[in-house]
Amino acid sequence: MQSFNIRTAKFWDNPPDTGSWPIGAKITSIEFTGFSMRVDFDRREGPNRWPDVVPPGWVGGLQYTLGICRNIAGEWHCSAVVQFWNGRSLDDTAPASRFWREWWYDSARWGPLASVRPEEGETMGVFVASGDLRQRFFTQNTCPRVCEISNVALVPFTTGYAKYEY
């Protein structure tokens, strides 16, 4: 398995210091269904859930952003792009076979994540972060509310079915 250090990963189109935010949540399961990637974590629901934040230009609240890290040419690249609000289905991630074009469709914003297609079996890191990270460039010092991330769960990428429980 590949070694991974979120503090040295390059974050694209997210706050630049995301990798140094405190880990405040734990991934509890990841399921590739063939039509989505369901990711659950311990602060998604319940009394200790991450609070909703209303990003600039939004009408309603956003709770967290789902992201992936990939090792491309020997360097880890990460970006959280799928925005979730309270009640949004965990299936709303796109099929894994289309991640690289639906998640990272612009190489100016997402660098090599947009230009290098994930390979079946490739190790990738899955994480969530509180609030809205997409096209946000604040730092932890200027964070609009809670700035936390989850642990990063390393899993093999698949366009088929797989389930991991933690």
N, C-alpha and C. Protein backbone atom coordinates (compact mmCIF):
# COMPACT_ATOMS: atom_id res chain seq x y z
N MET A 1 0.84 -1.19 0.00
CA MET A 1 0.00 0.00 0.00
C MET A 1 0.89 1.25 0.00
N GLN A 2 0.42 2.30 -0.61
CA GLN A 2 1.18 3.54 -0.71
C GLN A 2 1.11 4.33 0.59
N SER A 3 2.19 5.03 0.89
CA SER A 3 2.15 5.90 2.07
C SER A 3 1.44 7.20 1.69
N PHE A 4 0.81 7.80 2.67
CA PHE A 4 0.04 9.01 2.42
C PHE A 4 0.18 9.95 3.60
N ASN A 5 0.43 11.22 3.30
CA ASN A 5 0.49 12.25 4.32
C ASN A 5 -0.31 13.44 3.80
N ILE A 6 -1.48 13.68 4.39
CA ILE A 6 -2.35 14.75 3.91
C ILE A 6 -1.69 16.12 4.03
N ARG A 7 -0.78 16.27 4.97
CA ARG A 7 -0.12 17.58 5.17
C ARG A 7 0.79 17.96 4.00
N THR A 8 1.26 16.98 3.24
CA THR A 8 2.13 17.28 2.10
C THR A 8 1.41 17.17 0.76
N ALA A 9 0.12 16.83 0.77
CA ALA A 9 -0.65 16.72 -0.47
C ALA A 9 -0.94 18.10 -1.05
N LYS A 10 -1.05 18.17 -2.36
CA LYS A 10 -1.41 19.41 -3.06
C LYS A 10 -2.94 19.44 -3.19
N PHE A 11 -3.56 20.50 -2.66
CA PHE A 11 -5.01 20.67 -2.76
C PHE A 11 -5.34 21.60 -3.91
N TRP A 12 -6.30 21.20 -4.73
CA TRP A 12 -6.73 21.95 -5.90
C TRP A 12 -8.13 22.50 -5.69
N ASP A 13 -8.30 23.79 -5.95
CA ASP A 13 -9.62 24.44 -5.92
C ASP A 13 -10.29 24.35 -4.54
N ASN A 14 -9.48 24.24 -3.50
CA ASN A 14 -9.93 24.17 -2.11
C ASN A 14 -9.06 25.10 -1.28
N PRO A 15 -9.44 25.36 -0.03
CA PRO A 15 -8.54 26.15 0.82
C PRO A 15 -7.14 25.54 0.83
N PRO A 16 -6.11 26.35 0.67
CA PRO A 16 -4.76 25.82 0.51
C PRO A 16 -4.23 25.06 1.73
N ASP A 17 -4.75 25.36 2.92
CA ASP A 17 -4.25 24.68 4.12
C ASP A 17 -5.16 23.55 4.59
N THR A 18 -6.04 23.05 3.72
CA THR A 18 -6.98 21.99 4.10
C THR A 18 -6.27 20.80 4.74
N GLY A 19 -5.12 20.43 4.23
CA GLY A 19 -4.39 19.29 4.77
C GLY A 19 -3.91 19.46 6.20
N SER A 20 -3.92 20.68 6.71
CA SER A 20 -3.48 20.91 8.09
C SER A 20 -4.64 21.15 9.05
N TRP A 21 -5.88 21.08 8.54
CA TRP A 21 -7.03 21.26 9.42
C TRP A 21 -7.12 20.09 10.40
N PRO A 22 -7.70 20.33 11.56
CA PRO A 22 -7.85 19.24 12.53
C PRO A 22 -8.78 18.15 12.00
N ILE A 23 -8.45 16.91 12.35
CA ILE A 23 -9.31 15.78 12.00
C ILE A 23 -10.41 15.71 13.05
N GLY A 24 -11.65 16.01 12.62
CA GLY A 24 -12.77 16.06 13.54
C GLY A 24 -13.86 15.05 13.24
N ALA A 25 -13.62 14.17 12.26
CA ALA A 25 -14.63 13.16 11.88
C ALA A 25 -13.90 11.92 11.40
N LYS A 26 -14.62 10.81 11.41
CA LYS A 26 -14.06 9.52 10.98
C LYS A 26 -14.95 8.91 9.91
N ILE A 27 -14.35 8.54 8.78
CA ILE A 27 -15.07 7.80 7.75
C ILE A 27 -15.49 6.46 8.37
N THR A 28 -16.76 6.11 8.22
CA THR A 28 -17.25 4.84 8.76
C THR A 28 -17.52 3.80 7.69
N SER A 29 -17.80 4.24 6.45
CA SER A 29 -17.98 3.28 5.36
C SER A 29 -17.83 3.97 4.01
N ILE A 30 -17.37 3.19 3.04
CA ILE A 30 -17.28 3.61 1.65
C ILE A 30 -17.83 2.46 0.83
N GLU A 31 -18.76 2.77 -0.05
CA GLU A 31 -19.35 1.73 -0.88
C GLU A 31 -19.40 2.20 -2.34
N PHE A 32 -18.71 1.47 -3.20
CA PHE A 32 -18.83 1.69 -4.64
C PHE A 32 -19.99 0.83 -5.11
N THR A 33 -20.98 1.45 -5.72
CA THR A 33 -22.19 0.71 -6.11
C THR A 33 -22.26 0.42 -7.61
N GLY A 34 -21.37 1.01 -8.39
CA GLY A 34 -21.46 0.93 -9.84
C GLY A 34 -22.11 2.18 -10.42
N PHE A 35 -22.96 2.83 -9.61
CA PHE A 35 -23.59 4.08 -10.07
C PHE A 35 -23.29 5.24 -9.13
N SER A 36 -22.59 4.98 -8.05
CA SER A 36 -22.22 6.04 -7.10
C SER A 36 -21.12 5.53 -6.18
N MET A 37 -20.62 6.45 -5.34
CA MET A 37 -19.72 6.08 -4.26
C MET A 37 -20.34 6.66 -2.99
N ARG A 38 -20.87 5.80 -2.17
CA ARG A 38 -21.50 6.24 -0.91
C ARG A 38 -20.44 6.33 0.18
N VAL A 39 -20.35 7.49 0.78
CA VAL A 39 -19.37 7.70 1.85
C VAL A 39 -20.13 8.17 3.08
N ASP A 40 -19.96 7.46 4.17
CA ASP A 40 -20.61 7.86 5.42
C ASP A 40 -19.53 8.12 6.46
N PHE A 41 -19.87 8.95 7.44
CA PHE A 41 -18.92 9.30 8.48
C PHE A 41 -19.68 9.65 9.75
N ASP A 42 -18.97 9.68 10.86
CA ASP A 42 -19.61 9.79 12.17
C ASP A 42 -20.18 11.17 12.52
N ARG A 43 -19.91 12.21 11.72
CA ARG A 43 -20.45 13.54 12.04
C ARG A 43 -21.45 14.00 10.98
N ARG A 44 -21.99 13.06 10.19
CA ARG A 44 -22.95 13.41 9.14
C ARG A 44 -24.36 13.60 9.70
N GLU A 45 -24.73 12.80 10.69
CA GLU A 45 -26.06 12.89 11.28
C GLU A 45 -25.94 12.88 12.80
N GLY A 46 -27.04 13.21 13.46
CA GLY A 46 -27.07 13.15 14.91
C GLY A 46 -26.73 14.47 15.57
N PRO A 47 -26.71 14.47 16.90
CA PRO A 47 -26.52 15.73 17.63
C PRO A 47 -25.11 16.33 17.48
N ASN A 48 -24.14 15.54 17.09
CA ASN A 48 -22.77 16.03 16.94
C ASN A 48 -22.41 16.25 15.46
N ARG A 49 -23.43 16.35 14.60
CA ARG A 49 -23.17 16.50 13.16
C ARG A 49 -22.53 17.84 12.87
N TRP A 50 -21.76 17.87 11.78
CA TRP A 50 -21.19 19.14 11.37
C TRP A 50 -22.31 20.12 11.05
N PRO A 51 -22.18 21.37 11.45
CA PRO A 51 -23.26 22.35 11.21
C PRO A 51 -23.35 22.75 9.74
N ASP A 52 -24.51 23.21 9.37
CA ASP A 52 -24.71 23.75 8.03
C ASP A 52 -24.09 25.14 7.95
N VAL A 53 -23.53 25.46 6.80
CA VAL A 53 -22.97 26.77 6.51
C VAL A 53 -23.62 27.26 5.23
N VAL A 54 -23.99 28.52 5.18
CA VAL A 54 -24.56 29.08 3.95
C VAL A 54 -23.43 29.78 3.20
N PRO A 55 -22.93 29.13 2.11
CA PRO A 55 -21.84 29.74 1.35
C PRO A 55 -22.31 30.99 0.61
N PRO A 56 -21.38 31.89 0.29
CA PRO A 56 -21.74 33.07 -0.49
C PRO A 56 -22.43 32.66 -1.79
N GLY A 57 -23.55 33.32 -2.08
CA GLY A 57 -24.31 33.03 -3.29
C GLY A 57 -25.31 31.90 -3.16
N TRP A 58 -25.36 31.23 -2.02
CA TRP A 58 -26.30 30.14 -1.80
C TRP A 58 -27.52 30.64 -1.03
N VAL A 59 -28.61 29.94 -1.17
CA VAL A 59 -29.81 30.26 -0.42
C VAL A 59 -29.92 29.37 0.82
N GLY A 60 -29.55 28.10 0.69
CA GLY A 60 -29.64 27.16 1.80
C GLY A 60 -28.28 26.77 2.33
N GLY A 61 -28.30 25.94 3.37
CA GLY A 61 -27.07 25.52 4.03
C GLY A 61 -26.39 24.36 3.34
N LEU A 62 -25.10 24.27 3.56
CA LEU A 62 -24.27 23.18 3.05
C LEU A 62 -23.55 22.60 4.26
N GLN A 63 -23.53 21.28 4.37
CA GLN A 63 -22.92 20.67 5.56
C GLN A 63 -21.46 20.27 5.35
N TYR A 64 -21.16 19.62 4.22
CA TYR A 64 -19.80 19.13 4.02
C TYR A 64 -19.52 18.95 2.53
N THR A 65 -18.24 18.73 2.23
CA THR A 65 -17.79 18.49 0.86
C THR A 65 -16.99 17.19 0.85
N LEU A 66 -17.31 16.34 -0.11
CA LEU A 66 -16.65 15.05 -0.28
C LEU A 66 -15.47 15.20 -1.24
N GLY A 67 -14.35 14.58 -0.90
CA GLY A 67 -13.18 14.69 -1.75
C GLY A 67 -12.41 13.41 -1.91
N ILE A 68 -11.51 13.44 -2.88
CA ILE A 68 -10.64 12.31 -3.18
C ILE A 68 -9.21 12.82 -3.34
N CYS A 69 -8.26 11.98 -2.93
CA CYS A 69 -6.85 12.22 -3.17
C CYS A 69 -6.33 11.10 -4.06
N ARG A 70 -5.46 11.48 -5.00
CA ARG A 70 -4.86 10.50 -5.92
C ARG A 70 -3.36 10.75 -6.01
N ASN A 71 -2.62 9.66 -6.14
CA ASN A 71 -1.18 9.75 -6.34
C ASN A 71 -0.93 9.75 -7.84
N ILE A 72 -0.49 10.90 -8.36
CA ILE A 72 -0.23 11.06 -9.78
C ILE A 72 1.24 11.45 -9.94
N ALA A 73 1.96 10.64 -10.67
CA ALA A 73 3.39 10.87 -10.91
C ALA A 73 4.18 11.04 -9.61
N GLY A 74 3.82 10.24 -8.60
CA GLY A 74 4.56 10.24 -7.35
C GLY A 74 4.19 11.32 -6.36
N GLU A 75 3.17 12.12 -6.67
CA GLU A 75 2.72 13.17 -5.75
C GLU A 75 1.22 13.01 -5.49
N TRP A 76 0.82 13.27 -4.25
CA TRP A 76 -0.60 13.20 -3.90
C TRP A 76 -1.28 14.53 -4.23
N HIS A 77 -2.41 14.43 -4.92
CA HIS A 77 -3.24 15.57 -5.31
C HIS A 77 -4.64 15.32 -4.76
N CYS A 78 -5.23 16.34 -4.13
CA CYS A 78 -6.53 16.18 -3.49
C CYS A 78 -7.47 17.32 -3.90
N SER A 79 -8.76 17.02 -3.92
CA SER A 79 -9.76 18.06 -4.07
C SER A 79 -11.10 17.54 -3.59
N ALA A 80 -11.77 18.36 -2.81
CA ALA A 80 -13.14 18.07 -2.38
C ALA A 80 -14.07 18.87 -3.27
N VAL A 81 -14.94 18.16 -4.01
CA VAL A 81 -15.78 18.85 -4.98
C VAL A 81 -17.27 18.58 -4.84
N VAL A 82 -17.66 17.47 -4.25
CA VAL A 82 -19.08 17.12 -4.20
C VAL A 82 -19.68 17.70 -2.92
N GLN A 83 -20.55 18.68 -3.09
CA GLN A 83 -21.15 19.40 -1.98
C GLN A 83 -22.40 18.68 -1.49
N PHE A 84 -22.49 18.51 -0.16
CA PHE A 84 -23.65 17.83 0.44
C PHE A 84 -24.32 18.74 1.45
N TRP A 85 -25.62 18.79 1.38
CA TRP A 85 -26.43 19.48 2.36
C TRP A 85 -27.22 18.43 3.11
N ASN A 86 -27.77 18.79 4.24
CA ASN A 86 -28.53 17.87 5.07
C ASN A 86 -29.67 17.28 4.25
N GLY A 87 -29.72 15.97 4.16
CA GLY A 87 -30.79 15.28 3.43
C GLY A 87 -30.43 14.88 2.01
N ARG A 88 -29.31 15.36 1.47
CA ARG A 88 -28.91 14.95 0.11
C ARG A 88 -28.50 13.49 0.14
N SER A 89 -28.91 12.73 -0.84
CA SER A 89 -28.62 11.30 -0.90
C SER A 89 -27.12 11.05 -1.05
N LEU A 90 -26.63 10.03 -0.35
CA LEU A 90 -25.23 9.64 -0.49
C LEU A 90 -24.92 9.12 -1.89
N ASP A 91 -25.95 8.81 -2.67
CA ASP A 91 -25.75 8.33 -4.04
C ASP A 91 -25.45 9.47 -5.01
N ASP A 92 -25.55 10.70 -4.60
CA ASP A 92 -25.38 11.84 -5.50
C ASP A 92 -23.91 12.19 -5.73
N THR A 93 -23.14 11.22 -6.20
CA THR A 93 -21.71 11.44 -6.43
C THR A 93 -21.29 11.22 -7.87
N ALA A 94 -22.13 10.71 -8.72
CA ALA A 94 -21.83 10.29 -10.10
C ALA A 94 -21.21 8.89 -10.06
N PRO A 95 -21.35 8.15 -11.13
CA PRO A 95 -20.68 6.84 -11.21
C PRO A 95 -19.17 7.02 -11.17
N ALA A 96 -18.47 6.10 -10.54
CA ALA A 96 -17.01 6.20 -10.43
C ALA A 96 -16.35 6.27 -11.81
N SER A 97 -16.94 5.63 -12.80
CA SER A 97 -16.37 5.66 -14.15
C SER A 97 -16.35 7.07 -14.74
N ARG A 98 -17.14 7.99 -14.15
CA ARG A 98 -17.19 9.36 -14.66
C ARG A 98 -16.62 10.40 -13.69
N PHE A 99 -16.03 9.96 -12.58
CA PHE A 99 -15.46 10.91 -11.62
C PHE A 99 -14.52 11.90 -12.28
N TRP A 100 -13.58 11.39 -13.03
CA TRP A 100 -12.52 12.26 -13.53
C TRP A 100 -13.04 13.33 -14.46
N ARG A 101 -14.19 13.14 -15.11
CA ARG A 101 -14.74 14.18 -15.98
C ARG A 101 -15.87 14.97 -15.30
N GLU A 102 -16.59 14.35 -14.37
CA GLU A 102 -17.66 15.09 -13.69
C GLU A 102 -17.16 15.81 -12.46
N TRP A 103 -16.16 15.26 -11.78
CA TRP A 103 -15.62 15.91 -10.60
C TRP A 103 -14.59 16.96 -10.97
N TRP A 104 -13.68 16.61 -11.86
CA TRP A 104 -12.56 17.48 -12.19
C TRP A 104 -12.55 17.73 -13.69
N TYR A 105 -13.41 18.57 -14.16
CA TYR A 105 -13.60 18.76 -15.60
C TYR A 105 -12.77 19.90 -16.18
N ASP A 106 -12.02 20.61 -15.35
CA ASP A 106 -11.27 21.77 -15.82
C ASP A 106 -9.84 21.70 -15.29
N SER A 107 -8.87 21.47 -16.18
CA SER A 107 -7.49 21.31 -15.72
C SER A 107 -6.91 22.60 -15.14
N ALA A 108 -7.48 23.76 -15.48
CA ALA A 108 -7.01 25.01 -14.87
C ALA A 108 -7.35 25.03 -13.38
N ARG A 109 -8.47 24.40 -13.00
CA ARG A 109 -8.88 24.36 -11.59
C ARG A 109 -8.35 23.14 -10.85
N TRP A 110 -8.22 22.02 -11.55
CA TRP A 110 -7.89 20.77 -10.86
C TRP A 110 -6.63 20.09 -11.35
N GLY A 111 -5.83 20.77 -12.15
CA GLY A 111 -4.54 20.24 -12.57
C GLY A 111 -4.60 18.80 -13.06
N PRO A 112 -3.68 17.95 -12.58
CA PRO A 112 -3.61 16.58 -13.08
C PRO A 112 -4.83 15.73 -12.72
N LEU A 113 -5.61 16.13 -11.74
CA LEU A 113 -6.82 15.37 -11.43
C LEU A 113 -7.77 15.38 -12.63
N ALA A 114 -7.74 16.45 -13.41
CA ALA A 114 -8.64 16.57 -14.57
C ALA A 114 -8.07 15.88 -15.81
N SER A 115 -6.79 15.64 -15.85
CA SER A 115 -6.21 15.13 -17.09
C SER A 115 -5.76 13.67 -17.02
N VAL A 116 -5.71 13.08 -15.83
CA VAL A 116 -5.28 11.70 -15.68
C VAL A 116 -6.44 10.86 -15.15
N ARG A 117 -6.95 9.98 -16.00
CA ARG A 117 -8.09 9.13 -15.63
C ARG A 117 -7.68 8.10 -14.56
N PRO A 118 -8.50 7.91 -13.51
CA PRO A 118 -8.18 6.88 -12.52
C PRO A 118 -8.21 5.49 -13.15
N GLU A 119 -7.31 4.64 -12.70
CA GLU A 119 -7.25 3.27 -13.20
C GLU A 119 -7.89 2.32 -12.20
N GLU A 120 -8.50 1.28 -12.71
CA GLU A 120 -9.11 0.25 -11.87
C GLU A 120 -8.05 -0.29 -10.90
N GLY A 121 -8.36 -0.31 -9.61
CA GLY A 121 -7.44 -0.80 -8.60
C GLY A 121 -6.48 0.23 -8.05
N GLU A 122 -6.44 1.42 -8.63
CA GLU A 122 -5.56 2.49 -8.16
C GLU A 122 -5.93 2.87 -6.73
N THR A 123 -4.93 3.01 -5.86
CA THR A 123 -5.20 3.44 -4.48
C THR A 123 -5.55 4.92 -4.48
N MET A 124 -6.66 5.25 -3.84
CA MET A 124 -7.05 6.65 -3.70
C MET A 124 -7.49 6.88 -2.26
N GLY A 125 -7.40 8.14 -1.85
CA GLY A 125 -7.83 8.51 -0.50
C GLY A 125 -9.17 9.21 -0.57
N VAL A 126 -10.07 8.84 0.33
CA VAL A 126 -11.41 9.43 0.39
C VAL A 126 -11.53 10.19 1.71
N PHE A 127 -12.03 11.42 1.64
CA PHE A 127 -12.21 12.23 2.85
C PHE A 127 -13.43 13.12 2.70
N VAL A 128 -13.87 13.67 3.80
CA VAL A 128 -14.90 14.70 3.82
C VAL A 128 -14.35 15.88 4.63
N ALA A 129 -14.89 17.06 4.35
CA ALA A 129 -14.48 18.26 5.08
C ALA A 129 -15.72 19.08 5.41
N SER A 130 -15.73 19.69 6.55
CA SER A 130 -16.89 20.48 6.97
C SER A 130 -17.07 21.70 6.07
N GLY A 131 -18.32 22.03 5.82
CA GLY A 131 -18.63 23.22 5.04
C GLY A 131 -18.36 23.07 3.56
N ASP A 132 -18.17 24.20 2.92
CA ASP A 132 -18.00 24.27 1.47
C ASP A 132 -16.53 24.52 1.14
N LEU A 133 -15.91 23.58 0.45
CA LEU A 133 -14.50 23.74 0.06
C LEU A 133 -14.33 24.11 -1.40
N ARG A 134 -15.35 23.88 -2.19
CA ARG A 134 -15.21 24.06 -3.64
C ARG A 134 -15.07 25.54 -3.99
N GLN A 135 -13.98 25.87 -4.65
CA GLN A 135 -13.62 27.24 -5.02
C GLN A 135 -13.57 28.17 -3.82
N ARG A 136 -13.15 27.67 -2.70
CA ARG A 136 -13.01 28.48 -1.49
C ARG A 136 -11.53 28.58 -1.15
N PHE A 137 -11.08 29.77 -0.83
CA PHE A 137 -9.66 29.98 -0.62
C PHE A 137 -9.36 30.62 0.73
N PHE A 138 -10.31 30.54 1.67
CA PHE A 138 -10.04 30.99 3.02
C PHE A 138 -9.06 30.03 3.66
N THR A 139 -8.54 30.40 4.81
CA THR A 139 -7.65 29.52 5.57
C THR A 139 -8.34 29.16 6.88
N GLN A 140 -7.71 28.31 7.64
CA GLN A 140 -8.31 27.96 8.93
C GLN A 140 -8.46 29.22 9.80
N ASN A 141 -7.54 30.16 9.70
CA ASN A 141 -7.63 31.39 10.49
C ASN A 141 -8.81 32.27 10.10
N THR A 142 -9.26 32.18 8.84
CA THR A 142 -10.39 33.00 8.37
C THR A 142 -11.61 32.15 8.07
N CYS A 143 -11.62 30.95 8.60
CA CYS A 143 -12.70 29.98 8.36
C CYS A 143 -14.06 30.56 8.76
N PRO A 144 -15.08 30.41 7.91
CA PRO A 144 -16.39 30.98 8.23
C PRO A 144 -17.14 30.28 9.36
N ARG A 145 -16.74 29.09 9.76
CA ARG A 145 -17.43 28.40 10.85
C ARG A 145 -16.54 27.30 11.40
N VAL A 146 -16.81 26.05 11.07
CA VAL A 146 -16.00 24.92 11.50
C VAL A 146 -15.12 24.50 10.34
N CYS A 147 -13.82 24.43 10.55
CA CYS A 147 -12.91 23.93 9.51
C CYS A 147 -12.25 22.67 10.03
N GLU A 148 -12.82 21.54 9.67
CA GLU A 148 -12.31 20.23 10.05
C GLU A 148 -12.39 19.32 8.84
N ILE A 149 -11.55 18.29 8.86
CA ILE A 149 -11.62 17.24 7.87
C ILE A 149 -11.79 15.91 8.59
N SER A 150 -12.03 14.88 7.83
CA SER A 150 -12.06 13.53 8.38
C SER A 150 -10.69 12.89 8.19
N ASN A 151 -10.56 11.69 8.71
CA ASN A 151 -9.41 10.88 8.34
C ASN A 151 -9.50 10.63 6.82
N VAL A 152 -8.43 10.19 6.23
CA VAL A 152 -8.42 9.83 4.81
C VAL A 152 -8.37 8.31 4.75
N ALA A 153 -9.42 7.72 4.17
CA ALA A 153 -9.48 6.27 4.02
C ALA A 153 -8.92 5.90 2.65
N LEU A 154 -7.88 5.07 2.63
CA LEU A 154 -7.27 4.63 1.37
C LEU A 154 -8.00 3.38 0.89
N VAL A 155 -8.48 3.43 -0.35
CA VAL A 155 -9.23 2.32 -0.93
C VAL A 155 -8.83 2.15 -2.39
N PRO A 156 -9.01 0.94 -2.94
CA PRO A 156 -8.76 0.77 -4.37
C PRO A 156 -9.94 1.31 -5.18
N PHE A 157 -9.64 2.13 -6.18
CA PHE A 157 -10.67 2.67 -7.06
C PHE A 157 -11.30 1.53 -7.86
N THR A 158 -12.61 1.58 -8.01
CA THR A 158 -13.29 0.60 -8.84
C THR A 158 -14.53 1.21 -9.47
N THR A 159 -14.83 0.78 -10.67
CA THR A 159 -16.08 1.17 -11.30
C THR A 159 -17.15 0.11 -11.04
N GLY A 160 -16.76 -0.96 -10.36
CA GLY A 160 -17.69 -2.03 -10.01
C GLY A 160 -18.21 -1.86 -8.60
N TYR A 161 -18.41 -2.99 -7.89
CA TYR A 161 -18.95 -2.95 -6.54
C TYR A 161 -17.86 -3.31 -5.53
N ALA A 162 -17.80 -2.56 -4.45
CA ALA A 162 -16.93 -2.87 -3.31
C ALA A 162 -17.47 -2.11 -2.11
N LYS A 163 -17.30 -2.69 -0.93
CA LYS A 163 -17.75 -2.02 0.29
C LYS A 163 -16.68 -2.16 1.35
N TYR A 164 -16.43 -1.04 2.04
CA TYR A 164 -15.41 -1.01 3.10
C TYR A 164 -16.07 -0.40 4.34
N GLU A 165 -15.90 -1.06 5.47
CA GLU A 165 -16.41 -0.56 6.74
C GLU A 165 -15.24 -0.31 7.66
N TYR A 166 -15.33 0.75 8.44
CA TYR A 166 -14.23 1.13 9.33
C TYR A 166 -14.69 1.23 10.75
